[in-house]
Amino acid sequence: MFTGIIEELGEAVRLDRHGDRAGLTVRGQ
């Protein structure tokens, strides 16, 4: 049960990081 929660949190963090990168790229352009 805990493993699944940790995996979901990890995925959310990865998506957030990608979103931040995309946002920074758009702002940079």
PDB file of N, CA and C in Angstrom:
ATOM      1  N   MET A   1       0.828  -1.199   0.000  1.00  0.00           N
ATOM      2  CA  MET A   1       0.000   0.000   0.000  1.00  0.00           C
ATOM      3  C   MET A   1       0.871   1.262   0.000  1.00  0.00           C
ATOM      4  N   PHE A   2       1.823   1.318   0.950  1.00  0.00           N
ATOM      5  CA  PHE A   2       2.697   2.494   1.018  1.00  0.00           C
ATOM      6  C   PHE A   2       3.531   2.633  -0.250  1.00  0.00           C
ATOM      7  N   THR A   3       3.965   1.496  -0.802  1.00  0.00           N
ATOM      8  CA  THR A   3       4.790   1.543  -2.016  1.00  0.00           C
ATOM      9  C   THR A   3       4.033   2.249  -3.138  1.00  0.00           C
ATOM     10  N   GLY A   4       2.756   1.926  -3.302  1.00  0.00           N
ATOM     11  CA  GLY A   4       1.956   2.542  -4.361  1.00  0.00           C
ATOM     12  C   GLY A   4       1.861   4.047  -4.158  1.00  0.00           C
ATOM     13  N   ILE A   5       1.673   4.466  -2.899  1.00  0.00           N
ATOM     14  CA  ILE A   5       1.563   5.903  -2.611  1.00  0.00           C
ATOM     15  C   ILE A   5       2.874   6.606  -2.957  1.00  0.00           C
ATOM     16  N   ILE A   6       3.993   5.985  -2.580  1.00  0.00           N
ATOM     17  CA  ILE A   6       5.306   6.582  -2.850  1.00  0.00           C
ATOM     18  C   ILE A   6       5.520   6.702  -4.360  1.00  0.00           C
ATOM     19  N   GLU A   7       5.124   5.666  -5.090  1.00  0.00           N
ATOM     20  CA  GLU A   7       5.298   5.705  -6.546  1.00  0.00           C
ATOM     21  C   GLU A   7       4.464   6.833  -7.145  1.00  0.00           C
ATOM     22  N   GLU A   8       3.237   6.996  -6.638  1.00  0.00           N
ATOM     23  CA  GLU A   8       2.376   8.064  -7.165  1.00  0.00           C
ATOM     24  C   GLU A   8       2.985   9.428  -6.876  1.00  0.00           C
ATOM     25  N   LEU A   9       3.517   9.589  -5.675  1.00  0.00           N
ATOM     26  CA  LEU A   9       4.147  10.872  -5.315  1.00  0.00           C
ATOM     27  C   LEU A   9       5.346  11.119  -6.223  1.00  0.00           C
ATOM     28  N   GLY A  10       6.125  10.083  -6.487  1.00  0.00           N
ATOM     29  CA  GLY A  10       7.298  10.218  -7.346  1.00  0.00           C
ATOM     30  C   GLY A  10       6.894  10.661  -8.741  1.00  0.00           C
ATOM     31  N   GLU A  11       5.800  10.089  -9.240  1.00  0.00           N
ATOM     32  CA  GLU A  11       5.349  10.466 -10.580  1.00  0.00           C
ATOM     33  C   GLU A  11       4.892  11.923 -10.585  1.00  0.00           C
ATOM     34  N   ALA A  12       4.178  12.331  -9.549  1.00  0.00           N
ATOM     35  CA  ALA A  12       3.684  13.715  -9.461  1.00  0.00           C
ATOM     36  C   ALA A  12       4.867  14.683  -9.441  1.00  0.00           C
ATOM     37  N   VAL A  13       5.910  14.325  -8.688  1.00  0.00           N
ATOM     38  CA  VAL A  13       7.092  15.201  -8.602  1.00  0.00           C
ATOM     39  C   VAL A  13       7.749  15.303  -9.971  1.00  0.00           C
ATOM     40  N   ARG A  14       7.831  14.150 -10.671  1.00  0.00           N
ATOM     41  CA  ARG A  14       8.469  14.168 -11.995  1.00  0.00           C
ATOM     42  C   ARG A  14       7.658  15.048 -12.947  1.00  0.00           C
ATOM     43  N   LEU A  15       6.334  14.924 -12.895  1.00  0.00           N
ATOM     44  CA  LEU A  15       5.491  15.733 -13.780  1.00  0.00           C
ATOM     45  C   LEU A  15       5.662  17.214 -13.444  1.00  0.00           C
ATOM     46  N   ASP A  16       5.718  17.529 -12.143  1.00  0.00           N
ATOM     47  CA  ASP A  16       5.896  18.932 -11.734  1.00  0.00           C
ATOM     48  C   ASP A  16       7.211  19.475 -12.283  1.00  0.00           C
ATOM     49  N   ARG A  17       8.259  18.680 -12.190  1.00  0.00           N
ATOM     50  CA  ARG A  17       9.569  19.155 -12.671  1.00  0.00           C
ATOM     51  C   ARG A  17       9.513  19.401 -14.167  1.00  0.00           C
ATOM     52  N   HIS A  18       8.873  18.491 -14.912  1.00  0.00           N
ATOM     53  CA  HIS A  18       8.769  18.673 -16.363  1.00  0.00           C
ATOM     54  C   HIS A  18       7.948  19.932 -16.665  1.00  0.00           C
ATOM     55  N   GLY A  19       6.887  20.126 -15.893  1.00  0.00           N
ATOM     56  CA  GLY A  19       6.043  21.306 -16.099  1.00  0.00           C
ATOM     57  C   GLY A  19       6.836  22.576 -15.855  1.00  0.00           C
ATOM     58  N   ASP A  20       7.658  22.577 -14.784  1.00  0.00           N
ATOM     59  CA  ASP A  20       8.478  23.764 -14.482  1.00  0.00           C
ATOM     60  C   ASP A  20       9.450  24.023 -15.623  1.00  0.00           C
ATOM     61  N   ARG A  21      10.062  22.959 -16.124  1.00  0.00           N
ATOM     62  CA  ARG A  21      11.034  23.115 -17.219  1.00  0.00           C
ATOM     63  C   ARG A  21      10.344  23.703 -18.436  1.00  0.00           C
ATOM     64  N   ALA A  22       9.167  23.182 -18.772  1.00  0.00           N
ATOM     65  CA  ALA A  22       8.437  23.676 -19.938  1.00  0.00           C
ATOM     66  C   ALA A  22       8.078  25.149 -19.732  1.00  0.00           C
ATOM     67  N   GLY A  23       7.636  25.490 -18.513  1.00  0.00           N
ATOM     68  CA  GLY A  23       7.267  26.883 -18.225  1.00  0.00           C
ATOM     69  C   GLY A  23       8.467  27.801 -18.360  1.00  0.00           C
ATOM     70  N   LEU A  24       9.613  27.351 -17.844  1.00  0.00           N
ATOM     71  CA  LEU A  24      10.821  28.183 -17.917  1.00  0.00           C
ATOM     72  C   LEU A  24      11.249  28.342 -19.369  1.00  0.00           C
ATOM     73  N   THR A  25      11.127  27.260 -20.154  1.00  0.00           N
ATOM     74  CA  THR A  25      11.524  27.322 -21.562  1.00  0.00           C
ATOM     75  C   THR A  25      10.656  28.340 -22.296  1.00  0.00           C
ATOM     76  N   VAL A  26       9.357  28.295 -22.063  1.00  0.00           N
ATOM     77  CA  VAL A  26       8.442  29.220 -22.746  1.00  0.00           C
ATOM     78  C   VAL A  26       8.765  30.654 -22.327  1.00  0.00           C
ATOM     79  N   ARG A  27       9.007  30.875 -21.033  1.00  0.00           N
ATOM     80  CA  ARG A  27       9.316  32.225 -20.546  1.00  0.00           C
ATOM     81  C   ARG A  27      10.642  32.702 -21.143  1.00  0.00           C
ATOM     82  N   GLY A  28      11.612  31.774 -21.243  1.00  0.00           N
ATOM     83  CA  GLY A  28      12.917  32.148 -21.786  1.00  0.00           C
ATOM     84  C   GLY A  28      12.798  32.600 -23.227  1.00  0.00           C
ATOM     85  N   GLN A  29      11.931  31.958 -23.992  1.00  0.00           N
ATOM     86  CA  GLN A  29      11.771  32.318 -25.394  1.00  0.00           C
ATOM     87  C   GLN A  29      11.028  33.649 -25.494  1.00  0.00           C
TER      88      GLN A  29
END
